[in-house]
Amino acid sequence: MVHYSCVCLAPGWAVCLSRPDSARGAGVIKESESMRAEWTKKLVRCLTSQVAVYVVSGLLVVSVLTGVVLYVSGSHDPDPAPASGSNVDWEEVDQDASYDAEGGVIDQDIYEGTVLPETEDAGQDYLDETLFIGDSNTYRYMMYGEDDETPFTSLQNTIGVVSMGVGSITSLKCEEFVGYSEPVTIPEAVKIMQPKRIIICFGTNNLSAAGKGTDNFIEQYAKGLAAIHKAYPYADIIVSAVPPLDKQRSNTALTMTQVDEFNQAIVAVCEEEGYKFLDSSEALKDEKTGWAKEDYTLSDGVHLSKEGVTAYMEYVRTHAYITEDTRPKPLKTIPKAKGTPPGLISQDPIAVRGEGNTVTVPVEFLASEGGYIEGVTSQAVAKGGTCSTVRAVANAGYAFSHWTIEPVGSAGGAGDTLTFTVPADADANGVVVKAHFVATATAAPATPAPTATPEVTATPETSPSPEITPTPDVTQQPTAPPTAEPTPAPTTAPTTAPTTAPTEVPTVAPPTNGNSSEGQGGGTDQPAG
């Protein structure tokens, strides 16, 4: 459908502009073909007989065209682009419509003493002295950090095994150490690492276990937790909730209903066995929908994004569990951890499979301090496939430096524009590609400015006058002697007087009494003789 706007420019002359609906938001203005011939005739007539009017009309035409362009391009905004990494082809499945968000909330009154309450922020030290164990989401703790440079955890306090489920806790040899000839199981690794506390998080890779429900899941989990406790009974064990899914997830066979069932079973086991439960769903779930908060997962709707991991770590620090350190001292020498052998689990248990489906891995593009990424930052791409192009844009005072694959490795590409090819051996955890920026020389002059300010503070130093406080010291000395002199004088006088008075009275009295007695006694003896 075409809309026309007619504007009268002068007597007997008008201009009609058309704006088709198909050109909405594109700022395109078309003249009506049917009116063009008529305009030409009127324009010729105007040039020959009304030159003055033509000049005025020409100015009006320019004004009208400008107004129409602004109207088309400004007041009618184009449809908003889909959010980065969102699945525009996704359609809600029937089972999601019946999901009860409130039904998945953990009742903290029932499990008081088991569910960790809110505390003051325990800081990075709390994370450093904690051993984190889990699947690919746990592995991602080593990819992100608060300051974009230092990750939340490292290989020395993280055992993150991509695609691992609870059934492998006691059997899979998944952690390597320097000086050891082969990998060890998680319970054995815990005994070697001697942590003060453990935060363990499994369950995502058990969601699609065909035909195996919550009972089987929690039975295997309880067995794994018991094995860890037996291997090193001095560590506090905290079990973290299974992370929520994004509603627009790639694999719709994974449901929030099952996630909630898993978490209800986990908190019950923690209550029975004396473990603590970290209800991280409080930080990651949308309160209204019950699904993961927007942008807290990658394009697959399962793996936590940088925003999700950051929110999780803040929750960990503000729901801290700190007890007396009962580990035998001194600790045994702890060998350097090497992490999980590459390609340990080749098959992703939660990938979308079936005819016509291509298994993809999540690819995330991040920027360090000093810049940002232009383009789609969260993508799902097949192994060996090519991502859509992104560009690293530097902020003022910074320049682009290079690309890397986190946690280690080069992403290739010499410039700020990158079309990344996913490695053929990429696992379900996907790839994080980071753009790095460096401060330029122009940013340096800003630093000396603050140094000039402290020099002004030299003025207070010129006030040595308060230091003439020795005067009070002199005043103190004369005050002390007068106080000491009057004190002994009154004390001596009263003491001597009372002591002498009572002593003299009894001394005089005995001779008087003695003489009387002797006289009486003598008188009595005489008559008897």
Protein backbone atom coordinates (compact mmCIF):
# COMPACT_ATOMS: atom_id res chain seq x y z
CA MET A 1 0.00 0.00 0.00
CA VAL A 2 1.26 3.50 -0.90
CA HIS A 3 0.52 6.65 1.12
CA TYR A 4 0.51 10.06 -0.63
CA SER A 5 1.13 13.46 0.89
CA CYS A 6 0.21 16.47 -1.27
CA VAL A 7 1.60 19.89 -0.52
CA CYS A 8 0.42 23.09 -2.21
CA LEU A 9 3.43 25.13 -3.24
CA ALA A 10 1.77 27.90 -5.25
CA PRO A 11 -1.52 28.64 -6.99
CA GLY A 12 -2.19 25.83 -9.43
CA TRP A 13 0.93 23.82 -8.46
CA ALA A 14 1.25 21.00 -5.97
CA VAL A 15 3.75 18.27 -5.16
CA CYS A 16 2.68 14.76 -4.13
CA LEU A 17 5.10 12.47 -2.32
CA SER A 18 4.62 8.77 -1.87
CA ARG A 19 5.83 6.52 1.00
CA PRO A 20 5.27 2.79 0.45
CA ASP A 21 4.90 0.65 3.59
CA SER A 22 7.67 -1.59 2.29
CA ALA A 23 10.13 1.27 2.69
CA ARG A 24 9.28 1.69 6.38
CA GLY A 25 12.32 2.77 8.37
CA ALA A 26 14.59 3.00 5.32
CA GLY A 27 14.21 6.72 4.73
CA VAL A 28 13.31 6.23 1.06
CA ILE A 29 11.04 8.77 -0.66
CA LYS A 30 9.59 8.08 -4.07
CA GLU A 31 7.72 10.37 -6.38
CA SER A 32 4.49 9.13 -7.84
CA GLU A 33 5.10 8.16 -11.46
CA SER A 34 1.54 9.03 -12.40
CA MET A 35 1.96 12.62 -11.22
CA ARG A 36 5.38 13.30 -12.73
CA ALA A 37 4.12 14.40 -16.16
CA GLU A 38 1.64 16.81 -14.65
CA TRP A 39 4.35 18.35 -12.44
CA THR A 40 6.52 18.94 -15.50
CA LYS A 41 3.77 20.83 -17.34
CA LYS A 42 3.02 23.00 -14.34
CA LEU A 43 6.69 23.64 -13.76
CA VAL A 44 7.14 24.88 -17.35
CA ARG A 45 4.12 27.15 -17.02
CA CYS A 46 5.50 28.47 -13.78
CA LEU A 47 8.91 29.17 -15.31
CA THR A 48 7.38 31.19 -18.15
CA SER A 49 4.77 33.16 -16.30
CA GLN A 50 5.47 33.02 -12.58
CA VAL A 51 9.22 33.12 -12.08
CA ALA A 52 8.96 34.77 -8.70
CA VAL A 53 6.47 32.20 -7.49
CA TYR A 54 8.77 29.43 -8.73
CA VAL A 55 11.64 30.65 -6.59
CA VAL A 56 9.46 30.66 -3.51
CA SER A 57 8.02 27.30 -4.42
CA GLY A 58 11.47 25.80 -4.87
CA LEU A 59 12.39 26.80 -1.37
CA LEU A 60 9.18 25.26 -0.10
CA VAL A 61 9.93 22.02 -1.94
CA VAL A 62 13.28 21.72 -0.19
CA SER A 63 11.65 22.35 3.17
CA VAL A 64 8.90 19.81 2.56
CA LEU A 65 11.31 17.14 1.35
CA THR A 66 13.47 17.64 4.42
CA GLY A 67 10.45 17.34 6.68
CA VAL A 68 9.21 14.19 5.00
CA VAL A 69 12.65 12.56 5.22
CA LEU A 70 12.77 13.30 8.93
CA TYR A 71 9.25 11.96 9.33
CA VAL A 72 9.96 8.69 7.56
CA SER A 73 13.35 8.01 9.11
CA GLY A 74 12.79 9.44 12.57
CA SER A 75 9.26 9.08 13.81
CA HIS A 76 8.88 5.54 12.49
CA ASP A 77 11.73 3.61 14.05
CA PRO A 78 12.69 0.38 12.35
CA ASP A 79 11.92 -2.88 14.06
CA PRO A 80 14.46 -3.46 16.86
CA ALA A 81 17.22 -5.88 16.06
CA PRO A 82 17.13 -9.16 17.95
CA ALA A 83 19.24 -9.34 21.09
CA SER A 84 22.78 -10.58 20.68
CA GLY A 85 22.82 -14.33 20.50
CA SER A 86 19.04 -14.70 20.65
CA ASN A 87 17.38 -17.45 18.69
CA VAL A 88 15.01 -15.63 16.33
CA ASP A 89 13.64 -18.91 14.93
CA TRP A 90 12.79 -20.30 18.36
CA GLU A 91 9.20 -21.23 19.12
CA GLU A 92 7.81 -22.01 22.55
CA VAL A 93 7.12 -25.69 23.15
CA ASP A 94 3.92 -26.86 24.82
CA GLN A 95 5.62 -28.12 27.97
CA ASP A 96 7.06 -24.67 28.69
CA ALA A 97 3.61 -23.10 28.83
CA SER A 98 2.69 -25.27 31.83
CA TYR A 99 5.90 -24.58 33.77
CA ASP A 100 5.23 -23.46 37.35
CA ALA A 101 7.94 -20.98 38.36
CA GLU A 102 6.84 -20.80 41.99
CA GLY A 103 6.90 -24.57 42.33
CA GLY A 104 10.65 -24.58 41.82
CA VAL A 105 11.47 -22.25 44.71
CA ILE A 106 13.39 -23.89 47.59
CA ASP A 107 11.58 -23.48 50.93
CA GLN A 108 14.34 -22.04 53.10
CA ASP A 109 12.26 -22.31 56.27
CA ILE A 110 12.02 -26.08 55.92
CA TYR A 111 15.74 -26.38 55.20
CA GLU A 112 16.95 -23.75 57.65
CA GLY A 113 20.51 -24.54 58.66
CA THR A 114 21.13 -26.36 55.38
CA VAL A 115 20.51 -23.56 52.86
CA LEU A 116 23.26 -20.98 53.22
CA PRO A 117 21.89 -17.57 54.30
CA GLU A 118 23.12 -14.19 53.10
CA THR A 119 26.35 -12.94 54.68
CA GLU A 120 28.78 -10.08 54.24
CA ASP A 121 30.89 -10.28 51.09
CA ALA A 122 33.74 -12.67 51.93
CA GLY A 123 35.85 -11.36 49.05
CA GLN A 124 38.25 -13.00 46.62
CA ASP A 125 40.13 -14.74 49.45
CA TYR A 126 37.06 -16.88 50.08
CA LEU A 127 37.07 -18.00 46.44
CA ASP A 128 40.82 -18.65 46.48
CA GLU A 129 40.60 -21.06 49.43
CA THR A 130 37.64 -22.94 47.90
CA LEU A 131 37.92 -25.88 45.50
CA PHE A 132 35.27 -25.66 42.75
CA ILE A 133 34.20 -28.96 41.19
CA GLY A 134 31.74 -29.44 38.34
CA ASP A 135 31.08 -29.56 34.61
CA SER A 136 31.61 -27.06 31.78
CA ASN A 137 29.88 -24.25 33.68
CA THR A 138 32.44 -24.71 36.46
CA TYR A 139 35.21 -24.67 33.86
CA ARG A 140 33.95 -21.24 32.75
CA TYR A 141 34.86 -19.77 36.15
CA MET A 142 38.43 -19.75 34.81
CA MET A 143 37.39 -17.77 31.71
CA TYR A 144 35.85 -14.72 33.34
CA GLY A 145 36.85 -12.27 36.04
CA GLU A 146 35.72 -9.13 37.80
CA ASP A 147 38.36 -6.95 36.11
CA ASP A 148 38.36 -8.69 32.69
CA GLU A 149 41.97 -9.77 33.21
CA THR A 150 42.15 -11.92 36.36
CA PRO A 151 39.73 -14.88 36.30
CA PHE A 152 37.63 -15.81 39.33
CA THR A 153 39.39 -19.17 39.72
CA SER A 154 42.41 -21.02 38.33
CA LEU A 155 43.52 -24.58 37.60
CA GLN A 156 44.83 -24.75 41.17
CA ASN A 157 41.34 -24.53 42.68
CA THR A 158 39.06 -25.71 39.86
CA ILE A 159 38.15 -29.14 38.52
CA GLY A 160 35.80 -28.44 35.61
CA VAL A 161 35.12 -31.38 33.32
CA VAL A 162 33.23 -30.60 30.11
CA SER A 163 30.14 -32.81 29.49
CA MET A 164 30.56 -34.66 32.80
CA GLY A 165 27.61 -35.94 34.82
CA VAL A 166 27.23 -37.19 38.40
CA GLY A 167 27.67 -40.84 37.43
CA SER A 168 31.36 -40.26 36.68
CA ILE A 169 32.39 -38.64 39.99
CA THR A 170 33.83 -41.82 41.47
CA SER A 171 35.12 -43.50 38.32
CA LEU A 172 36.34 -41.00 35.68
CA LYS A 173 40.06 -40.19 35.88
CA CYS A 174 39.73 -36.55 34.99
CA GLU A 175 42.38 -34.47 36.79
CA GLU A 176 46.10 -34.36 35.99
CA PHE A 177 48.93 -33.27 38.29
CA VAL A 178 52.58 -32.56 37.66
CA GLY A 179 54.63 -35.59 38.71
CA TYR A 180 51.74 -38.05 38.31
CA SER A 181 51.89 -40.63 35.54
CA GLU A 182 48.13 -40.65 34.95
CA PRO A 183 45.00 -38.65 35.81
CA VAL A 184 43.08 -39.32 39.02
CA THR A 185 39.39 -39.37 39.96
CA ILE A 186 37.70 -36.44 41.70
CA PRO A 187 37.81 -38.01 45.21
CA GLU A 188 41.52 -38.77 44.73
CA ALA A 189 42.14 -35.22 43.47
CA VAL A 190 40.41 -33.75 46.52
CA LYS A 191 42.67 -35.79 48.81
CA ILE A 192 45.73 -34.49 46.95
CA MET A 193 44.59 -30.83 46.92
CA GLN A 194 43.47 -30.78 50.61
CA PRO A 195 40.97 -27.90 50.28
CA LYS A 196 39.40 -26.04 53.17
CA ARG A 197 35.99 -26.23 51.50
CA ILE A 198 34.41 -27.56 48.31
CA ILE A 199 31.63 -26.08 46.18
CA ILE A 200 30.40 -28.74 43.79
CA CYS A 201 27.89 -28.26 40.96
CA PHE A 202 26.72 -31.07 38.67
CA GLY A 203 23.39 -31.88 37.05
CA THR A 204 23.10 -30.07 33.72
CA ASN A 205 24.54 -33.00 31.76
CA ASN A 206 22.09 -35.37 33.48
CA LEU A 207 18.99 -33.50 32.32
CA SER A 208 18.62 -35.45 29.09
CA ALA A 209 19.61 -38.85 30.46
CA ALA A 210 17.16 -40.97 28.47
CA GLY A 211 14.67 -42.64 30.74
CA LYS A 212 16.66 -41.82 33.88
CA GLY A 213 14.82 -39.54 36.25
CA THR A 214 15.46 -37.68 39.46
CA ASP A 215 15.76 -40.78 41.66
CA ASN A 216 18.63 -42.20 39.63
CA PHE A 217 20.32 -38.79 39.46
CA ILE A 218 20.25 -38.14 43.20
CA GLU A 219 21.32 -41.68 44.06
CA GLN A 220 24.47 -41.29 41.95
CA TYR A 221 25.11 -37.78 43.26
CA ALA A 222 24.84 -38.90 46.90
CA LYS A 223 27.28 -41.72 46.19
CA GLY A 224 29.78 -39.29 44.66
CA LEU A 225 29.49 -36.83 47.55
CA ALA A 226 30.05 -39.61 50.08
CA ALA A 227 33.18 -40.73 48.22
CA ILE A 228 34.59 -37.18 48.28
CA HIS A 229 33.88 -36.82 52.01
CA LYS A 230 35.50 -40.17 52.74
CA ALA A 231 38.61 -39.27 50.73
CA TYR A 232 39.12 -36.01 52.65
CA PRO A 233 36.74 -35.57 55.62
CA TYR A 234 38.30 -32.25 56.70
CA ALA A 235 36.76 -30.19 53.88
CA ASP A 236 33.34 -28.55 54.19
CA ILE A 237 31.09 -29.68 51.32
CA ILE A 238 28.70 -27.17 49.74
CA VAL A 239 26.45 -28.39 46.93
CA SER A 240 25.38 -25.70 44.47
CA ALA A 241 22.01 -25.68 42.70
CA VAL A 242 21.81 -26.80 39.07
CA PRO A 243 21.86 -23.55 37.01
CA PRO A 244 18.62 -22.48 35.30
CA LEU A 245 18.11 -22.73 31.54
CA ASP A 246 17.23 -19.92 29.17
CA LYS A 247 13.73 -20.28 27.80
CA GLN A 248 15.03 -19.88 24.23
CA ARG A 249 17.43 -22.80 24.56
CA SER A 250 18.65 -24.86 21.62
CA ASN A 251 17.64 -28.21 23.11
CA THR A 252 13.99 -27.94 24.15
CA ALA A 253 14.14 -31.47 25.58
CA LEU A 254 15.85 -29.87 28.59
CA THR A 255 13.21 -28.45 30.93
CA MET A 256 13.15 -26.16 33.93
CA THR A 257 10.72 -28.56 35.57
CA GLN A 258 13.45 -31.20 35.70
CA VAL A 259 16.04 -28.65 36.87
CA ASP A 260 13.74 -27.76 39.78
CA GLU A 261 13.16 -31.43 40.63
CA PHE A 262 16.92 -32.02 40.72
CA ASN A 263 17.45 -29.08 43.07
CA GLN A 264 14.68 -30.18 45.43
CA ALA A 265 16.31 -33.62 45.62
CA ILE A 266 19.78 -32.11 46.19
CA VAL A 267 18.73 -29.92 49.11
CA ALA A 268 16.99 -32.92 50.73
CA VAL A 269 20.19 -35.01 50.52
CA CYS A 270 22.21 -32.12 51.95
CA GLU A 271 19.81 -31.97 54.89
CA GLU A 272 20.15 -35.72 55.51
CA GLU A 273 23.93 -35.96 55.13
CA GLY A 274 24.98 -32.69 56.77
CA TYR A 275 26.20 -30.89 53.65
CA LYS A 276 25.37 -27.25 52.91
CA PHE A 277 23.21 -26.14 49.97
CA LEU A 278 24.01 -23.03 47.91
CA ASP A 279 20.73 -21.84 46.38
CA SER A 280 22.37 -19.95 43.51
CA SER A 281 19.05 -20.00 41.64
CA GLU A 282 18.21 -16.89 43.63
CA ALA A 283 20.87 -15.01 41.69
CA LEU A 284 20.45 -16.61 38.26
CA LYS A 285 16.68 -17.04 37.91
CA ASP A 286 14.18 -14.45 36.77
CA GLU A 287 11.77 -14.16 39.71
CA LYS A 288 8.69 -13.90 37.51
CA THR A 289 9.40 -16.47 34.80
CA GLY A 290 11.60 -18.93 36.70
CA TRP A 291 13.93 -19.20 33.68
CA ALA A 292 17.47 -17.83 33.54
CA LYS A 293 17.75 -14.05 33.54
CA GLU A 294 18.27 -12.37 30.19
CA ASP A 295 21.88 -12.53 28.91
CA TYR A 296 22.93 -14.89 31.73
CA THR A 297 23.48 -17.76 29.27
CA LEU A 298 25.14 -18.14 25.89
CA SER A 299 23.30 -18.72 22.62
CA ASP A 300 22.65 -22.38 23.51
CA GLY A 301 20.64 -21.32 26.58
CA VAL A 302 22.64 -23.69 28.82
CA HIS A 303 26.17 -22.42 29.40
CA LEU A 304 26.57 -19.42 31.67
CA SER A 305 27.77 -16.20 30.06
CA LYS A 306 30.16 -13.73 31.63
CA GLU A 307 27.20 -11.90 33.19
CA GLY A 308 25.87 -15.18 34.58
CA VAL A 309 29.20 -16.30 36.06
CA THR A 310 29.81 -12.85 37.58
CA ALA A 311 26.38 -12.90 39.27
CA TYR A 312 27.03 -16.45 40.49
CA MET A 313 30.39 -15.56 42.04
CA GLU A 314 28.92 -12.56 43.79
CA TYR A 315 26.27 -14.85 45.27
CA VAL A 316 28.95 -17.32 46.41
CA ARG A 317 30.87 -14.56 48.21
CA THR A 318 27.74 -13.14 49.87
CA HIS A 319 26.52 -16.57 51.07
CA ALA A 320 29.81 -17.65 52.57
CA TYR A 321 30.30 -20.62 54.86
CA ILE A 322 33.41 -20.16 57.00
CA THR A 323 34.22 -22.66 59.75
CA GLU A 324 37.22 -23.58 61.86
CA ASP A 325 40.03 -25.04 59.78
CA THR A 326 40.39 -28.63 61.00
CA ARG A 327 42.81 -29.84 58.33
CA PRO A 328 45.87 -31.67 59.72
CA LYS A 329 48.87 -29.32 59.85
CA PRO A 330 51.21 -28.92 58.22
CA LEU A 331 49.50 -29.68 54.92
CA LYS A 332 51.22 -32.13 52.64
CA THR A 333 52.97 -30.71 49.58
CA ILE A 334 50.34 -30.01 46.91
CA PRO A 335 51.53 -30.71 43.34
CA LYS A 336 50.66 -28.28 40.57
CA ALA A 337 47.36 -29.12 38.87
CA LYS A 338 47.38 -29.46 35.08
CA GLY A 339 43.62 -29.69 34.61
CA THR A 340 41.54 -32.10 32.56
CA PRO A 341 43.03 -34.05 29.64
CA PRO A 342 41.73 -32.61 26.34
CA GLY A 343 38.94 -34.54 24.63
CA LEU A 344 38.27 -36.63 27.73
CA ILE A 345 34.53 -36.84 26.96
CA SER A 346 33.96 -36.68 23.22
CA GLN A 347 30.16 -36.72 23.15
CA ASP A 348 28.02 -33.86 24.42
CA PRO A 349 25.10 -35.45 26.33
CA ILE A 350 22.82 -32.41 25.97
CA ALA A 351 23.44 -31.55 22.30
CA VAL A 352 20.50 -31.45 19.89
CA ARG A 353 20.61 -34.57 17.75
CA GLY A 354 18.56 -36.12 15.00
CA GLU A 355 18.11 -35.92 11.27
CA GLY A 356 18.77 -32.45 9.89
CA ASN A 357 20.35 -31.22 13.12
CA THR A 358 23.95 -30.02 13.21
CA VAL A 359 25.72 -30.14 16.54
CA THR A 360 26.92 -26.64 17.36
CA VAL A 361 29.11 -25.19 20.08
CA PRO A 362 28.74 -21.79 21.77
CA VAL A 363 31.20 -19.08 20.75
CA GLU A 364 31.44 -15.92 22.84
CA PHE A 365 33.31 -12.73 21.97
CA LEU A 366 34.52 -10.57 24.87
CA ALA A 367 36.56 -7.40 25.22
CA SER A 368 39.13 -6.54 27.87
CA GLU A 369 39.27 -3.13 29.53
CA GLY A 370 39.56 -0.31 27.03
CA GLY A 371 37.11 -1.35 24.34
CA TYR A 372 34.06 -3.30 23.22
CA ILE A 373 32.88 -5.75 20.57
CA GLU A 374 30.84 -4.66 17.57
CA GLY A 375 28.74 -7.49 16.13
CA VAL A 376 27.00 -10.59 17.48
CA THR A 377 28.86 -11.45 20.68
CA SER A 378 27.23 -14.83 21.37
CA GLN A 379 26.97 -17.31 18.50
CA ALA A 380 26.25 -21.01 18.03
CA VAL A 381 28.46 -22.44 15.30
CA ALA A 382 29.25 -25.95 14.08
CA LYS A 383 32.73 -27.35 14.69
CA GLY A 384 34.95 -26.18 11.85
CA GLY A 385 32.35 -23.57 10.91
CA THR A 386 32.87 -19.84 10.53
CA CYS A 387 31.43 -17.22 12.87
CA SER A 388 29.90 -14.00 11.65
CA THR A 389 32.45 -11.19 11.57
CA VAL A 390 33.01 -9.07 14.67
CA ARG A 391 35.14 -5.99 15.24
CA ALA A 392 37.09 -4.84 18.29
CA VAL A 393 36.48 -1.14 18.91
CA ALA A 394 38.85 0.76 21.20
CA ASN A 395 37.68 3.44 23.61
CA ALA A 396 39.34 6.85 23.75
CA GLY A 397 42.88 6.54 25.08
CA TYR A 398 43.19 2.87 24.06
CA ALA A 399 44.24 0.93 20.97
CA PHE A 400 43.45 -2.60 19.85
CA SER A 401 46.25 -5.09 20.61
CA HIS A 402 45.37 -8.71 19.76
CA TRP A 403 42.85 -11.58 19.95
CA THR A 404 43.10 -14.64 22.20
CA ILE A 405 41.13 -17.81 22.88
CA GLU A 406 40.42 -18.15 26.59
CA PRO A 407 41.83 -19.36 28.85
CA VAL A 408 44.98 -19.69 26.70
CA GLY A 409 45.92 -19.51 23.04
CA SER A 410 45.90 -17.19 20.06
CA ALA A 411 42.79 -16.64 17.98
CA GLY A 412 44.76 -15.56 14.93
CA GLY A 413 43.97 -12.45 12.94
CA ALA A 414 46.21 -9.42 12.86
CA GLY A 415 43.59 -6.68 12.74
CA ASP A 416 40.68 -5.52 14.83
CA THR A 417 38.20 -7.27 12.51
CA LEU A 418 37.90 -11.03 12.98
CA THR A 419 36.04 -13.80 11.18
CA PHE A 420 36.71 -16.68 13.52
CA THR A 421 36.73 -20.34 12.50
CA VAL A 422 35.68 -22.73 15.27
CA PRO A 423 38.30 -25.44 15.90
CA ALA A 424 37.25 -28.86 14.66
CA ASP A 425 38.09 -30.33 18.07
CA ALA A 426 36.05 -27.79 20.08
CA ASP A 427 34.03 -29.40 22.86
CA ALA A 428 30.59 -28.66 24.26
CA ASN A 429 32.01 -25.91 26.45
CA GLY A 430 32.56 -23.89 23.31
CA VAL A 431 35.07 -21.13 22.74
CA VAL A 432 35.61 -17.71 24.30
CA VAL A 433 37.43 -15.25 22.04
CA LYS A 434 38.72 -12.08 23.69
CA ALA A 435 39.90 -8.80 22.20
CA HIS A 436 42.69 -7.09 24.13
CA PHE A 437 43.39 -3.37 24.25
CA VAL A 438 46.34 -1.31 25.48
CA ALA A 439 46.46 2.24 26.79
CA THR A 440 47.95 4.69 24.31
CA ALA A 441 50.52 7.40 25.05
CA THR A 442 47.80 10.05 25.01
CA ALA A 443 46.37 8.63 28.19
CA ALA A 444 49.70 9.16 30.06
CA PRO A 445 49.55 12.96 30.59
CA ALA A 446 46.44 12.50 32.69
CA THR A 447 48.53 10.71 35.34
CA PRO A 448 50.87 13.57 36.41
CA ALA A 449 47.90 15.85 37.10
CA PRO A 450 46.94 14.12 40.36
CA THR A 451 50.56 14.25 41.59
CA ALA A 452 50.46 18.04 41.56
CA THR A 453 47.53 18.05 43.98
CA PRO A 454 49.29 16.24 46.83
CA GLU A 455 52.08 18.85 46.75
CA VAL A 456 49.61 21.49 47.91
CA THR A 457 49.12 19.45 51.05
CA ALA A 458 52.62 20.57 52.05
CA THR A 459 50.95 23.68 53.53
CA PRO A 460 49.64 21.84 56.60
CA GLU A 461 53.20 20.73 57.32
CA THR A 462 54.21 24.38 57.93
CA SER A 463 52.06 24.40 61.03
CA PRO A 464 54.70 23.23 63.49
CA SER A 465 53.15 25.71 65.98
CA PRO A 466 50.98 22.94 67.43
CA GLU A 467 54.19 21.08 68.20
CA ILE A 468 55.01 23.69 70.89
CA THR A 469 53.02 21.41 73.14
CA PRO A 470 56.09 20.91 75.36
CA THR A 471 54.56 23.76 77.46
CA PRO A 472 51.99 21.39 78.94
CA ASP A 473 54.85 19.05 79.90
CA VAL A 474 56.48 21.78 82.01
CA THR A 475 53.18 22.58 83.66
CA GLN A 476 52.79 18.97 84.64
CA GLN A 477 56.09 18.85 86.56
CA PRO A 478 55.40 21.64 89.06
CA THR A 479 51.90 20.36 89.61
CA ALA A 480 53.12 16.97 90.77
CA PRO A 481 55.34 18.08 93.71
CA PRO A 482 52.71 20.21 95.50
CA THR A 483 50.29 17.33 95.35
CA ALA A 484 52.83 14.94 96.85
CA GLU A 485 53.84 17.21 99.78
CA PRO A 486 50.44 17.86 101.32
CA THR A 487 49.58 14.19 101.16
CA PRO A 488 52.23 12.83 103.56
CA ALA A 489 51.87 15.71 106.07
CA PRO A 490 48.27 15.09 107.09
CA THR A 491 48.82 11.35 107.07
CA THR A 492 51.65 11.46 109.65
CA ALA A 493 50.00 13.85 112.09
CA PRO A 494 46.78 11.94 112.71
CA THR A 495 48.55 8.60 112.87
CA THR A 496 50.94 9.58 115.66
CA ALA A 497 48.37 11.30 117.87
CA PRO A 498 45.91 8.43 118.22
CA THR A 499 48.67 5.86 118.68
CA THR A 500 50.30 7.69 121.60
CA ALA A 501 47.11 8.58 123.44
CA PRO A 502 45.75 5.07 123.93
CA THR A 503 49.16 3.68 124.84
CA GLU A 504 49.75 6.12 127.73
CA VAL A 505 46.38 5.62 129.38
CA PRO A 506 46.65 1.86 129.87
CA THR A 507 50.27 2.21 131.03
CA VAL A 508 49.34 4.53 133.94
CA ALA A 509 46.28 2.54 134.93
CA PRO A 510 48.03 -0.76 135.79
CA PRO A 511 50.30 0.67 138.54
CA THR A 512 47.30 2.29 140.24
CA ASN A 513 45.31 -0.92 140.11
CA GLY A 514 48.38 -2.88 141.22
CA ASN A 515 48.88 -0.76 144.35
CA SER A 516 45.28 -1.18 145.43
CA SER A 517 45.49 -4.91 144.99
CA GLU A 518 48.63 -5.22 146.96
CA GLY A 519 47.11 -3.18 149.81
CA GLN A 520 44.02 -5.34 149.87
CA GLY A 521 46.01 -8.50 149.67
CA GLY A 522 48.30 -7.45 152.54
CA GLY A 523 45.36 -6.61 154.74
CA THR A 524 43.85 -10.00 154.21
CA ASP A 525 47.07 -11.86 154.94
CA GLN A 526 47.74 -10.13 158.21
CA PRO A 527 44.68 -11.30 160.09
CA ALA A 528 45.27 -14.83 158.86
CA GLY A 529 48.80 -14.71 160.40
